[in-house]
Amino acid sequence: MSDGTAVSENLSLQVSRMVKAKRHRVFDAWTKPELMHLWFAPGSMTVASASADLRIGGAYHVEIKGDAGVIHMVHGVYQEIIPNERLRFTWGWQDVPDGSVVTVEFKDVEGGTEVILTHERLTTVEWRDRHEHGWNGCLVNLAGVFDTGRIA
């Protein structure tokens, strides 16, 4: 359906962005709360708090503050961790079960690191499209913190 209400377990999206930084630094930005705090929100939203227990079965939690001051909470559990190469974790919003899964891959490219994010098991076209917009905004902010030197 084109109205965004189609329910499926097979909807996914993939976005990517080149970041001008070494792969290990980009991986750190995804896994260290003090660095996640600088970018893990789309657009002009900010991270109110972040935590990460970086181990298989460990949980992460991010509170994203919207423009109107509304806090959006996202959480999940790490399923796969290959340092500097790949992260795989469940993804859920505050009152929504964490049934979707995010995989982030880090690839060396000339001038930095390519980040390839795949978000699977999204349930509606609208949910997929909203996440695609959000992830693109997050990746712009990730690249920006390295471009501006906020993460060295």
N, C-alpha and C. Protein backbone atom coordinates (compact mmCIF):
# COMPACT_ATOMS: atom_id res chain seq x y z
N MET A 1 0.83 -1.19 0.00
CA MET A 1 0.00 0.00 0.00
C MET A 1 0.87 1.24 0.00
N SER A 2 0.41 2.27 -0.59
CA SER A 2 1.18 3.50 -0.63
C SER A 2 0.79 4.46 0.49
N ASP A 3 -0.20 4.12 1.30
CA ASP A 3 -0.63 5.02 2.37
C ASP A 3 0.19 4.87 3.65
N GLY A 4 1.20 3.99 3.64
CA GLY A 4 2.07 3.83 4.80
C GLY A 4 1.54 2.90 5.86
N THR A 5 0.38 2.27 5.63
CA THR A 5 -0.20 1.43 6.66
C THR A 5 0.07 -0.06 6.44
N ALA A 6 0.73 -0.41 5.35
CA ALA A 6 1.02 -1.81 5.08
C ALA A 6 1.89 -2.37 6.21
N VAL A 7 1.49 -3.49 6.75
CA VAL A 7 2.25 -4.11 7.83
C VAL A 7 3.04 -5.28 7.26
N SER A 8 4.33 -5.29 7.57
CA SER A 8 5.22 -6.33 7.06
C SER A 8 6.37 -6.48 8.03
N GLU A 9 6.97 -7.64 8.03
CA GLU A 9 8.19 -7.83 8.83
C GLU A 9 9.42 -7.71 7.94
N ASN A 10 9.22 -7.47 6.64
CA ASN A 10 10.32 -7.53 5.69
C ASN A 10 10.79 -6.18 5.17
N LEU A 11 10.25 -5.09 5.66
CA LEU A 11 10.67 -3.78 5.20
C LEU A 11 12.04 -3.44 5.79
N SER A 12 12.89 -2.86 4.94
CA SER A 12 14.21 -2.47 5.42
C SER A 12 14.66 -1.22 4.67
N LEU A 13 15.72 -0.65 5.14
CA LEU A 13 16.32 0.51 4.49
C LEU A 13 17.83 0.40 4.63
N GLN A 14 18.52 1.10 3.74
CA GLN A 14 19.98 1.17 3.85
C GLN A 14 20.40 2.58 3.49
N VAL A 15 21.24 3.16 4.34
CA VAL A 15 21.81 4.48 4.09
C VAL A 15 23.31 4.40 4.34
N SER A 16 24.05 5.30 3.71
CA SER A 16 25.50 5.30 3.93
C SER A 16 26.02 6.73 3.85
N ARG A 17 27.19 6.90 4.42
CA ARG A 17 27.84 8.22 4.41
C ARG A 17 29.33 8.03 4.64
N MET A 18 30.11 8.85 3.96
CA MET A 18 31.55 8.86 4.18
C MET A 18 31.86 9.85 5.30
N VAL A 19 32.68 9.40 6.24
CA VAL A 19 33.08 10.22 7.38
C VAL A 19 34.59 10.39 7.30
N LYS A 20 35.05 11.62 7.43
CA LYS A 20 36.48 11.92 7.32
C LYS A 20 37.19 11.62 8.65
N ALA A 21 37.34 10.34 8.93
CA ALA A 21 38.00 9.90 10.16
C ALA A 21 38.39 8.44 10.01
N LYS A 22 39.35 8.04 10.80
CA LYS A 22 39.77 6.63 10.83
C LYS A 22 38.63 5.76 11.34
N ARG A 23 38.61 4.54 10.85
CA ARG A 23 37.54 3.60 11.17
C ARG A 23 37.38 3.40 12.68
N HIS A 24 38.47 3.26 13.42
CA HIS A 24 38.34 3.02 14.86
C HIS A 24 37.71 4.22 15.59
N ARG A 25 37.94 5.43 15.09
CA ARG A 25 37.34 6.61 15.72
C ARG A 25 35.84 6.68 15.43
N VAL A 26 35.45 6.28 14.21
CA VAL A 26 34.03 6.28 13.87
C VAL A 26 33.31 5.19 14.68
N PHE A 27 33.95 4.03 14.81
CA PHE A 27 33.38 2.96 15.65
C PHE A 27 33.21 3.46 17.08
N ASP A 28 34.22 4.14 17.61
CA ASP A 28 34.13 4.70 18.96
C ASP A 28 32.93 5.64 19.08
N ALA A 29 32.68 6.44 18.04
CA ALA A 29 31.57 7.40 18.09
C ALA A 29 30.22 6.69 18.23
N TRP A 30 30.14 5.45 17.75
CA TRP A 30 28.91 4.66 17.85
C TRP A 30 28.79 3.91 19.18
N THR A 31 29.89 3.77 19.91
CA THR A 31 29.89 2.87 21.06
C THR A 31 30.26 3.51 22.39
N LYS A 32 30.73 4.73 22.38
CA LYS A 32 31.11 5.41 23.62
C LYS A 32 30.09 6.52 23.91
N PRO A 33 29.37 6.41 25.03
CA PRO A 33 28.31 7.38 25.32
C PRO A 33 28.75 8.84 25.25
N GLU A 34 29.97 9.14 25.69
CA GLU A 34 30.42 10.53 25.67
C GLU A 34 30.57 11.06 24.23
N LEU A 35 30.76 10.16 23.27
CA LEU A 35 30.83 10.55 21.86
C LEU A 35 29.45 10.47 21.21
N MET A 36 28.66 9.46 21.57
CA MET A 36 27.29 9.34 21.06
C MET A 36 26.51 10.62 21.38
N HIS A 37 26.80 11.17 22.53
CA HIS A 37 26.12 12.38 23.02
C HIS A 37 26.26 13.54 22.03
N LEU A 38 27.33 13.54 21.22
CA LEU A 38 27.62 14.65 20.32
C LEU A 38 26.85 14.60 19.00
N TRP A 39 26.28 13.44 18.63
CA TRP A 39 25.73 13.34 17.28
C TRP A 39 24.52 12.42 17.11
N PHE A 40 24.21 11.54 18.03
CA PHE A 40 23.24 10.46 17.82
C PHE A 40 21.79 10.95 17.86
N ALA A 41 21.51 11.98 17.07
CA ALA A 41 20.16 12.53 16.92
C ALA A 41 20.12 13.24 15.57
N PRO A 42 18.99 13.19 14.88
CA PRO A 42 18.92 13.82 13.57
C PRO A 42 18.65 15.32 13.64
N GLY A 43 19.09 16.01 12.60
CA GLY A 43 18.79 17.43 12.46
C GLY A 43 19.27 18.24 13.65
N SER A 44 18.39 19.12 14.15
CA SER A 44 18.76 19.98 15.27
C SER A 44 18.43 19.36 16.62
N MET A 45 17.93 18.12 16.62
CA MET A 45 17.68 17.43 17.89
C MET A 45 19.02 17.18 18.59
N THR A 46 18.96 16.97 19.89
CA THR A 46 20.18 16.72 20.66
C THR A 46 20.02 15.46 21.50
N VAL A 47 21.13 14.95 21.98
CA VAL A 47 21.10 13.77 22.86
C VAL A 47 21.10 14.26 24.30
N ALA A 48 20.03 13.94 25.02
CA ALA A 48 19.92 14.32 26.42
C ALA A 48 20.76 13.40 27.30
N SER A 49 20.80 12.10 26.94
CA SER A 49 21.65 11.14 27.66
C SER A 49 21.86 9.93 26.77
N ALA A 50 22.96 9.23 27.04
CA ALA A 50 23.28 8.01 26.29
C ALA A 50 24.05 7.08 27.20
N SER A 51 23.78 5.77 27.04
CA SER A 51 24.54 4.76 27.76
C SER A 51 24.73 3.58 26.82
N ALA A 52 25.82 2.85 27.04
CA ALA A 52 26.12 1.69 26.20
C ALA A 52 26.93 0.68 27.00
N ASP A 53 26.42 -0.54 27.07
CA ASP A 53 27.12 -1.67 27.68
C ASP A 53 27.58 -2.53 26.52
N LEU A 54 28.76 -2.21 25.99
CA LEU A 54 29.24 -2.79 24.73
C LEU A 54 29.74 -4.23 24.92
N ARG A 55 28.77 -5.15 24.89
CA ARG A 55 29.04 -6.58 24.92
C ARG A 55 27.81 -7.26 24.34
N ILE A 56 27.98 -8.47 23.83
CA ILE A 56 26.84 -9.20 23.31
C ILE A 56 25.83 -9.37 24.45
N GLY A 57 24.60 -8.97 24.20
CA GLY A 57 23.57 -9.01 25.23
C GLY A 57 23.52 -7.75 26.09
N GLY A 58 24.51 -6.87 25.93
CA GLY A 58 24.50 -5.60 26.66
C GLY A 58 23.53 -4.62 26.04
N ALA A 59 23.01 -3.73 26.86
CA ALA A 59 21.99 -2.78 26.40
C ALA A 59 22.58 -1.40 26.15
N TYR A 60 21.91 -0.67 25.27
CA TYR A 60 22.19 0.75 25.09
C TYR A 60 20.87 1.49 25.28
N HIS A 61 20.98 2.77 25.56
CA HIS A 61 19.80 3.61 25.77
C HIS A 61 20.19 5.03 25.37
N VAL A 62 19.35 5.67 24.56
CA VAL A 62 19.60 7.05 24.14
C VAL A 62 18.31 7.84 24.32
N GLU A 63 18.43 9.00 24.95
CA GLU A 63 17.31 9.93 25.07
C GLU A 63 17.59 11.09 24.12
N ILE A 64 16.68 11.26 23.16
CA ILE A 64 16.83 12.29 22.13
C ILE A 64 15.85 13.41 22.44
N LYS A 65 16.37 14.64 22.53
CA LYS A 65 15.54 15.80 22.84
C LYS A 65 15.14 16.49 21.55
N GLY A 66 13.83 16.54 21.30
CA GLY A 66 13.30 17.19 20.11
C GLY A 66 13.31 18.70 20.22
N ASP A 67 13.01 19.34 19.11
CA ASP A 67 13.01 20.81 19.07
C ASP A 67 12.05 21.43 20.07
N ALA A 68 10.93 20.78 20.36
CA ALA A 68 9.94 21.31 21.31
C ALA A 68 10.23 20.87 22.74
N GLY A 69 11.40 20.25 22.95
CA GLY A 69 11.76 19.79 24.28
C GLY A 69 11.25 18.42 24.64
N VAL A 70 10.54 17.77 23.71
CA VAL A 70 10.03 16.42 23.95
C VAL A 70 11.18 15.42 23.91
N ILE A 71 11.20 14.50 24.87
CA ILE A 71 12.25 13.48 24.92
C ILE A 71 11.74 12.20 24.26
N HIS A 72 12.50 11.70 23.32
CA HIS A 72 12.22 10.43 22.64
C HIS A 72 13.28 9.44 23.11
N MET A 73 12.85 8.30 23.63
CA MET A 73 13.80 7.32 24.16
C MET A 73 13.89 6.12 23.23
N VAL A 74 15.13 5.75 22.90
CA VAL A 74 15.38 4.57 22.08
C VAL A 74 16.29 3.63 22.87
N HIS A 75 16.10 2.33 22.66
CA HIS A 75 16.87 1.35 23.42
C HIS A 75 17.03 0.08 22.60
N GLY A 76 17.96 -0.74 23.02
CA GLY A 76 18.14 -2.03 22.37
C GLY A 76 19.25 -2.82 23.01
N VAL A 77 19.57 -3.94 22.37
CA VAL A 77 20.56 -4.88 22.89
C VAL A 77 21.54 -5.20 21.76
N TYR A 78 22.82 -5.23 22.10
CA TYR A 78 23.85 -5.57 21.11
C TYR A 78 23.79 -7.07 20.81
N GLN A 79 23.72 -7.40 19.53
CA GLN A 79 23.68 -8.79 19.08
C GLN A 79 25.01 -9.25 18.47
N GLU A 80 25.73 -8.32 17.86
CA GLU A 80 27.01 -8.65 17.23
C GLU A 80 27.92 -7.44 17.35
N ILE A 81 29.16 -7.70 17.74
CA ILE A 81 30.16 -6.64 17.87
C ILE A 81 31.46 -7.17 17.28
N ILE A 82 31.86 -6.60 16.17
CA ILE A 82 33.18 -6.87 15.60
C ILE A 82 33.88 -5.51 15.60
N PRO A 83 34.78 -5.29 16.57
CA PRO A 83 35.38 -3.96 16.74
C PRO A 83 35.90 -3.38 15.42
N ASN A 84 35.51 -2.13 15.19
CA ASN A 84 35.94 -1.35 14.03
C ASN A 84 35.41 -1.86 12.70
N GLU A 85 34.55 -2.90 12.71
CA GLU A 85 34.02 -3.45 11.47
C GLU A 85 32.49 -3.47 11.42
N ARG A 86 31.83 -3.96 12.49
CA ARG A 86 30.38 -4.11 12.42
C ARG A 86 29.75 -4.11 13.82
N LEU A 87 28.58 -3.49 13.88
CA LEU A 87 27.71 -3.54 15.06
C LEU A 87 26.34 -4.01 14.58
N ARG A 88 25.69 -4.82 15.38
CA ARG A 88 24.32 -5.23 15.11
C ARG A 88 23.58 -5.17 16.44
N PHE A 89 22.43 -4.47 16.43
CA PHE A 89 21.68 -4.30 17.67
C PHE A 89 20.20 -4.18 17.38
N THR A 90 19.39 -4.56 18.38
CA THR A 90 17.95 -4.36 18.26
C THR A 90 17.66 -2.88 18.43
N TRP A 91 16.48 -2.46 17.96
CA TRP A 91 16.11 -1.05 17.99
C TRP A 91 14.65 -0.93 18.40
N GLY A 92 14.39 -0.17 19.43
CA GLY A 92 13.01 0.05 19.86
C GLY A 92 12.84 1.41 20.49
N TRP A 93 11.68 2.00 20.26
CA TRP A 93 11.33 3.28 20.88
C TRP A 93 10.63 3.02 22.20
N GLN A 94 10.58 4.01 23.07
CA GLN A 94 10.12 3.89 24.45
C GLN A 94 9.01 2.88 24.67
N ASP A 95 7.90 2.96 23.99
CA ASP A 95 6.80 2.04 24.25
C ASP A 95 6.54 1.10 23.08
N VAL A 96 7.53 0.97 22.21
CA VAL A 96 7.41 0.10 21.04
C VAL A 96 8.39 -1.05 21.22
N PRO A 97 7.97 -2.29 21.07
CA PRO A 97 8.90 -3.42 21.21
C PRO A 97 10.10 -3.27 20.28
N ASP A 98 11.23 -3.79 20.72
CA ASP A 98 12.47 -3.66 19.93
C ASP A 98 12.59 -4.80 18.92
N GLY A 99 11.64 -4.87 18.00
CA GLY A 99 11.62 -5.94 17.02
C GLY A 99 12.44 -5.67 15.78
N SER A 100 12.85 -4.42 15.54
CA SER A 100 13.67 -4.16 14.37
C SER A 100 15.15 -4.29 14.75
N VAL A 101 15.97 -4.42 13.72
CA VAL A 101 17.40 -4.67 13.92
C VAL A 101 18.21 -3.73 13.04
N VAL A 102 19.26 -3.16 13.61
CA VAL A 102 20.15 -2.25 12.89
C VAL A 102 21.53 -2.89 12.80
N THR A 103 22.10 -2.87 11.59
CA THR A 103 23.47 -3.31 11.37
C THR A 103 24.25 -2.12 10.82
N VAL A 104 25.39 -1.83 11.44
CA VAL A 104 26.24 -0.73 10.99
C VAL A 104 27.60 -1.33 10.62
N GLU A 105 28.02 -1.07 9.39
CA GLU A 105 29.31 -1.55 8.92
C GLU A 105 30.24 -0.37 8.69
N PHE A 106 31.51 -0.57 8.97
CA PHE A 106 32.53 0.46 8.86
C PHE A 106 33.58 -0.02 7.86
N LYS A 107 33.74 0.71 6.75
CA LYS A 107 34.65 0.30 5.67
C LYS A 107 35.67 1.41 5.42
N ASP A 108 36.94 1.02 5.29
CA ASP A 108 37.97 1.97 4.91
C ASP A 108 37.73 2.43 3.47
N VAL A 109 37.77 3.75 3.26
CA VAL A 109 37.71 4.34 1.93
C VAL A 109 38.72 5.47 1.90
N GLU A 110 39.07 5.90 0.70
CA GLU A 110 40.01 6.99 0.58
C GLU A 110 39.45 8.23 1.29
N GLY A 111 40.22 8.77 2.21
CA GLY A 111 39.82 9.96 2.94
C GLY A 111 39.04 9.71 4.21
N GLY A 112 38.79 8.42 4.55
CA GLY A 112 38.07 8.18 5.79
C GLY A 112 37.40 6.83 5.87
N THR A 113 36.18 6.83 6.35
CA THR A 113 35.43 5.60 6.61
C THR A 113 34.03 5.73 6.00
N GLU A 114 33.61 4.69 5.30
CA GLU A 114 32.23 4.64 4.85
C GLU A 114 31.42 3.92 5.91
N VAL A 115 30.34 4.55 6.35
CA VAL A 115 29.41 3.95 7.30
C VAL A 115 28.20 3.50 6.49
N ILE A 116 27.90 2.19 6.58
CA ILE A 116 26.75 1.63 5.88
C ILE A 116 25.80 1.10 6.94
N LEU A 117 24.61 1.67 6.99
CA LEU A 117 23.62 1.31 8.01
C LEU A 117 22.44 0.63 7.32
N THR A 118 22.09 -0.55 7.82
CA THR A 118 20.93 -1.28 7.34
C THR A 118 19.98 -1.47 8.51
N HIS A 119 18.74 -1.05 8.33
CA HIS A 119 17.72 -1.19 9.37
C HIS A 119 16.66 -2.13 8.83
N GLU A 120 16.49 -3.28 9.48
CA GLU A 120 15.61 -4.34 9.00
C GLU A 120 14.44 -4.55 9.97
N ARG A 121 13.44 -5.27 9.45
CA ARG A 121 12.25 -5.65 10.21
C ARG A 121 11.40 -4.46 10.63
N LEU A 122 11.34 -3.46 9.77
CA LEU A 122 10.44 -2.34 10.00
C LEU A 122 9.04 -2.74 9.57
N THR A 123 8.03 -2.30 10.30
CA THR A 123 6.69 -2.87 10.13
C THR A 123 5.78 -2.15 9.16
N THR A 124 6.03 -0.88 8.86
CA THR A 124 5.20 -0.16 7.90
C THR A 124 6.08 0.69 6.99
N VAL A 125 5.52 1.05 5.85
CA VAL A 125 6.24 1.92 4.92
C VAL A 125 6.50 3.27 5.58
N GLU A 126 5.52 3.78 6.30
CA GLU A 126 5.71 5.06 6.99
C GLU A 126 6.84 4.97 8.01
N TRP A 127 6.88 3.89 8.77
CA TRP A 127 7.93 3.70 9.80
C TRP A 127 9.29 3.62 9.12
N ARG A 128 9.38 2.89 8.01
CA ARG A 128 10.64 2.80 7.26
C ARG A 128 11.07 4.18 6.79
N ASP A 129 10.15 4.92 6.19
CA ASP A 129 10.49 6.24 5.65
C ASP A 129 10.91 7.21 6.75
N ARG A 130 10.24 7.16 7.89
CA ARG A 130 10.62 8.03 9.01
C ARG A 130 12.01 7.68 9.53
N HIS A 131 12.31 6.38 9.62
CA HIS A 131 13.64 5.97 10.07
C HIS A 131 14.71 6.33 9.05
N GLU A 132 14.39 6.21 7.77
CA GLU A 132 15.37 6.59 6.75
C GLU A 132 15.72 8.07 6.87
N HIS A 133 14.71 8.90 7.06
CA HIS A 133 14.94 10.34 7.25
C HIS A 133 15.79 10.57 8.51
N GLY A 134 15.44 9.90 9.60
CA GLY A 134 16.17 10.07 10.85
C GLY A 134 17.61 9.60 10.76
N TRP A 135 17.83 8.42 10.18
CA TRP A 135 19.19 7.90 10.06
C TRP A 135 20.05 8.79 9.16
N ASN A 136 19.49 9.29 8.07
CA ASN A 136 20.26 10.20 7.23
C ASN A 136 20.66 11.44 8.01
N GLY A 137 19.73 11.97 8.82
CA GLY A 137 20.05 13.13 9.66
C GLY A 137 21.12 12.83 10.69
N CYS A 138 21.07 11.64 11.26
CA CYS A 138 22.10 11.24 12.22
C CYS A 138 23.47 11.14 11.55
N LEU A 139 23.52 10.54 10.37
CA LEU A 139 24.80 10.38 9.68
C LEU A 139 25.38 11.72 9.25
N VAL A 140 24.53 12.67 8.88
CA VAL A 140 25.01 14.03 8.60
C VAL A 140 25.65 14.60 9.85
N ASN A 141 25.00 14.43 11.00
CA ASN A 141 25.56 14.95 12.25
C ASN A 141 26.84 14.23 12.65
N LEU A 142 26.89 12.90 12.40
CA LEU A 142 28.11 12.15 12.68
C LEU A 142 29.28 12.71 11.88
N ALA A 143 29.08 12.85 10.57
CA ALA A 143 30.14 13.41 9.72
C ALA A 143 30.53 14.80 10.20
N GLY A 144 29.52 15.58 10.59
CA GLY A 144 29.78 16.94 11.03
C GLY A 144 30.64 17.06 12.26
N VAL A 145 30.49 16.16 13.23
CA VAL A 145 31.31 16.26 14.44
C VAL A 145 32.78 15.99 14.15
N PHE A 146 33.05 15.17 13.13
CA PHE A 146 34.44 14.97 12.72
C PHE A 146 34.94 16.14 11.87
N ASP A 147 34.08 16.64 10.97
CA ASP A 147 34.46 17.77 10.12
C ASP A 147 34.79 19.02 10.94
N THR A 148 34.06 19.23 12.03
CA THR A 148 34.27 20.42 12.85
C THR A 148 35.30 20.22 13.96
N GLY A 149 35.83 19.00 14.10
CA GLY A 149 36.82 18.73 15.11
C GLY A 149 36.26 18.48 16.50
N ARG A 150 34.92 18.35 16.63
CA ARG A 150 34.35 18.07 17.95
C ARG A 150 34.76 16.67 18.41
N ILE A 151 35.02 15.77 17.46
CA ILE A 151 35.66 14.50 17.73
C ILE A 151 36.92 14.49 16.89
N ALA A 152 38.05 14.31 17.52
CA ALA A 152 39.33 14.35 16.80
C ALA A 152 39.67 12.98 16.22
